[in-house]
C-alpha atoms as a PDB file:
ATOM      1  CA  MET A   1      81.395  36.689  93.508  1.00  0.00           C
ATOM      2  CA  SER A   2      82.066  38.430  90.226  1.00  0.00           C
ATOM      3  CA  SER A   3      84.938  39.428  88.023  1.00  0.00           C
ATOM      4  CA  LYS A   4      85.518  41.975  85.292  1.00  0.00           C
ATOM      5  CA  ALA A   5      84.012  39.446  82.875  1.00  0.00           C
ATOM      6  CA  LEU A   6      80.761  39.522  84.895  1.00  0.00           C
ATOM      7  CA  SER A   7      80.868  35.799  85.508  1.00  0.00           C
ATOM      8  CA  PHE A   8      79.177  34.583  88.682  1.00  0.00           C
ATOM      9  CA  ASP A   9      79.845  31.236  90.349  1.00  0.00           C
ATOM     10  CA  LEU A  10      77.176  29.718  92.577  1.00  0.00           C
ATOM     11  CA  THR A  11      79.341  28.030  95.205  1.00  0.00           C
ATOM     12  CA  ARG A  12      76.743  26.162  97.230  1.00  0.00           C
ATOM     13  CA  ILE A  13      73.062  26.240  98.017  1.00  0.00           C
ATOM     14  CA  VAL A  14      71.647  24.127 100.837  1.00  0.00           C
ATOM     15  CA  ILE A  15      67.942  23.623 101.391  1.00  0.00           C
ATOM     16  CA  ALA A  16      66.983  22.206 104.788  1.00  0.00           C
ATOM     17  CA  GLN A  17      63.658  20.750 103.608  1.00  0.00           C
ATOM     18  CA  PRO A  18      64.026  19.168 100.154  1.00  0.00           C
ATOM     19  CA  GLU A  19      61.163  18.418  97.755  1.00  0.00           C
ATOM     20  CA  LEU A  20      59.093  21.453  98.762  1.00  0.00           C
ATOM     21  CA  GLY A  21      60.192  23.631  95.832  1.00  0.00           C
ATOM     22  CA  TYR A  22      62.275  26.037  97.927  1.00  0.00           C
ATOM     23  CA  GLY A  23      65.479  25.287  96.028  1.00  0.00           C
ATOM     24  CA  LYS A  24      63.915  25.933  92.649  1.00  0.00           C
ATOM     25  CA  ARG A  25      62.370  29.200  93.847  1.00  0.00           C
ATOM     26  CA  ALA A  26      65.686  30.306  95.347  1.00  0.00           C
ATOM     27  CA  LEU A  27      67.435  29.581  92.058  1.00  0.00           C
ATOM     28  CA  TYR A  28      64.895  31.594  90.058  1.00  0.00           C
ATOM     29  CA  ILE A  29      65.471  34.551  92.408  1.00  0.00           C
ATOM     30  CA  LEU A  30      69.253  34.217  92.111  1.00  0.00           C
ATOM     31  CA  ILE A  31      69.150  33.943  88.320  1.00  0.00           C
ATOM     32  CA  LYS A  32      66.943  37.025  88.059  1.00  0.00           C
ATOM     33  CA  LYS A  33      69.173  39.019  90.411  1.00  0.00           C
ATOM     34  CA  VAL A  34      72.449  37.983  88.758  1.00  0.00           C
ATOM     35  CA  PHE A  35      71.316  38.781  85.222  1.00  0.00           C
ATOM     36  CA  GLU A  36      68.965  41.721  85.761  1.00  0.00           C
ATOM     37  CA  GLU A  37      70.566  43.583  88.664  1.00  0.00           C
ATOM     38  CA  TYR A  38      74.241  42.714  88.155  1.00  0.00           C
ATOM     39  CA  ASN A  39      74.108  42.447  84.342  1.00  0.00           C
ATOM     40  CA  ALA A  40      76.016  39.170  84.420  1.00  0.00           C
ATOM     41  CA  HIS A  41      77.340  37.620  81.265  1.00  0.00           C
ATOM     42  CA  ARG A  42      77.601  34.140  82.796  1.00  0.00           C
ATOM     43  CA  PHE A  43      76.221  32.263  85.825  1.00  0.00           C
ATOM     44  CA  TRP A  44      77.730  28.861  86.465  1.00  0.00           C
ATOM     45  CA  LEU A  45      78.171  26.182  89.113  1.00  0.00           C
ATOM     46  CA  ASP A  46      79.672  22.796  89.742  1.00  0.00           C
ATOM     47  CA  VAL A  47      77.798  19.878  91.242  1.00  0.00           C
ATOM     48  CA  PHE A  48      78.880  16.377  92.191  1.00  0.00           C
ATOM     49  CA  GLU A  49      78.239  14.039  89.279  1.00  0.00           C
ATOM     50  CA  HIS A  50      76.383  11.593  91.538  1.00  0.00           C
ATOM     51  CA  ASN A  51      74.000  14.280  92.916  1.00  0.00           C
ATOM     52  CA  GLN A  52      71.095  13.571  90.572  1.00  0.00           C
ATOM     53  CA  ARG A  53      68.554  15.536  92.641  1.00  0.00           C
ATOM     54  CA  ALA A  54      70.548  18.764  92.438  1.00  0.00           C
ATOM     55  CA  ARG A  55      71.400  18.269  88.751  1.00  0.00           C
ATOM     56  CA  HIS A  56      67.721  17.782  87.970  1.00  0.00           C
ATOM     57  CA  VAL A  57      66.768  20.999  89.787  1.00  0.00           C
ATOM     58  CA  TYR A  58      69.523  22.982  88.034  1.00  0.00           C
ATOM     59  CA  GLN A  59      68.412  21.643  84.648  1.00  0.00           C
ATOM     60  CA  SER A  60      64.775  22.478  85.412  1.00  0.00           C
ATOM     61  CA  VAL A  61      65.633  26.180  85.841  1.00  0.00           C
ATOM     62  CA  GLY A  62      67.714  26.341  82.673  1.00  0.00           C
ATOM     63  CA  PHE A  63      71.262  25.292  83.529  1.00  0.00           C
ATOM     64  CA  LYS A  64      72.963  23.115  80.906  1.00  0.00           C
ATOM     65  CA  LYS A  65      75.782  20.638  81.382  1.00  0.00           C
ATOM     66  CA  GLU A  66      79.010  22.019  79.927  1.00  0.00           C
ATOM     67  CA  GLY A  67      81.518  19.408  80.977  1.00  0.00           C
ATOM     68  CA  VAL A  68      82.911  17.163  83.671  1.00  0.00           C
ATOM     69  CA  LEU A  69      85.947  17.617  85.890  1.00  0.00           C
ATOM     70  CA  ARG A  70      86.970  13.998  86.417  1.00  0.00           C
ATOM     71  CA  ASP A  71      88.078  13.014  89.918  1.00  0.00           C
ATOM     72  CA  ALA A  72      88.262  16.667  90.967  1.00  0.00           C
ATOM     73  CA  VAL A  73      87.487  16.227  94.674  1.00  0.00           C
ATOM     74  CA  GLN A  74      89.063  13.735  97.051  1.00  0.00           C
ATOM     75  CA  LYS A  75      87.189  12.654 100.172  1.00  0.00           C
ATOM     76  CA  GLU A  76      89.059  10.098 102.249  1.00  0.00           C
ATOM     77  CA  ASP A  77      90.106   7.354  99.806  1.00  0.00           C
ATOM     78  CA  HIS A  78      87.632   8.231  97.041  1.00  0.00           C
ATOM     79  CA  TYR A  79      87.665  10.715  94.183  1.00  0.00           C
ATOM     80  CA  PHE A  80      84.509  12.375  92.894  1.00  0.00           C
ATOM     81  CA  SER A  81      83.814  14.120  89.605  1.00  0.00           C
ATOM     82  CA  LEU A  82      82.137  17.504  89.247  1.00  0.00           C
ATOM     83  CA  VAL A  83      79.719  18.488  86.489  1.00  0.00           C
ATOM     84  CA  ILE A  84      80.047  22.091  85.296  1.00  0.00           C
ATOM     85  CA  MET A  85      76.688  23.691  84.479  1.00  0.00           C
ATOM     86  CA  ALA A  86      75.848  27.188  83.270  1.00  0.00           C
END
């Protein structure tokens, strides 16, 4: 979860009922906890480039796109890129 550099990586967040605002509220709670309670220097995540819904939610709570890992994940015969956000 953390390192000596106080960098936290959000691995995955899954919301069973989308479009009710639960994901955004959960992210606000996580951001507050990571920075205020754990004194993090950095909080980052990766998200599939094609997942526009998730990227929009992350941007709405303050995450910014930092880069793209091209063809980083292979599923069956397809490769998918990941967007790094922090």
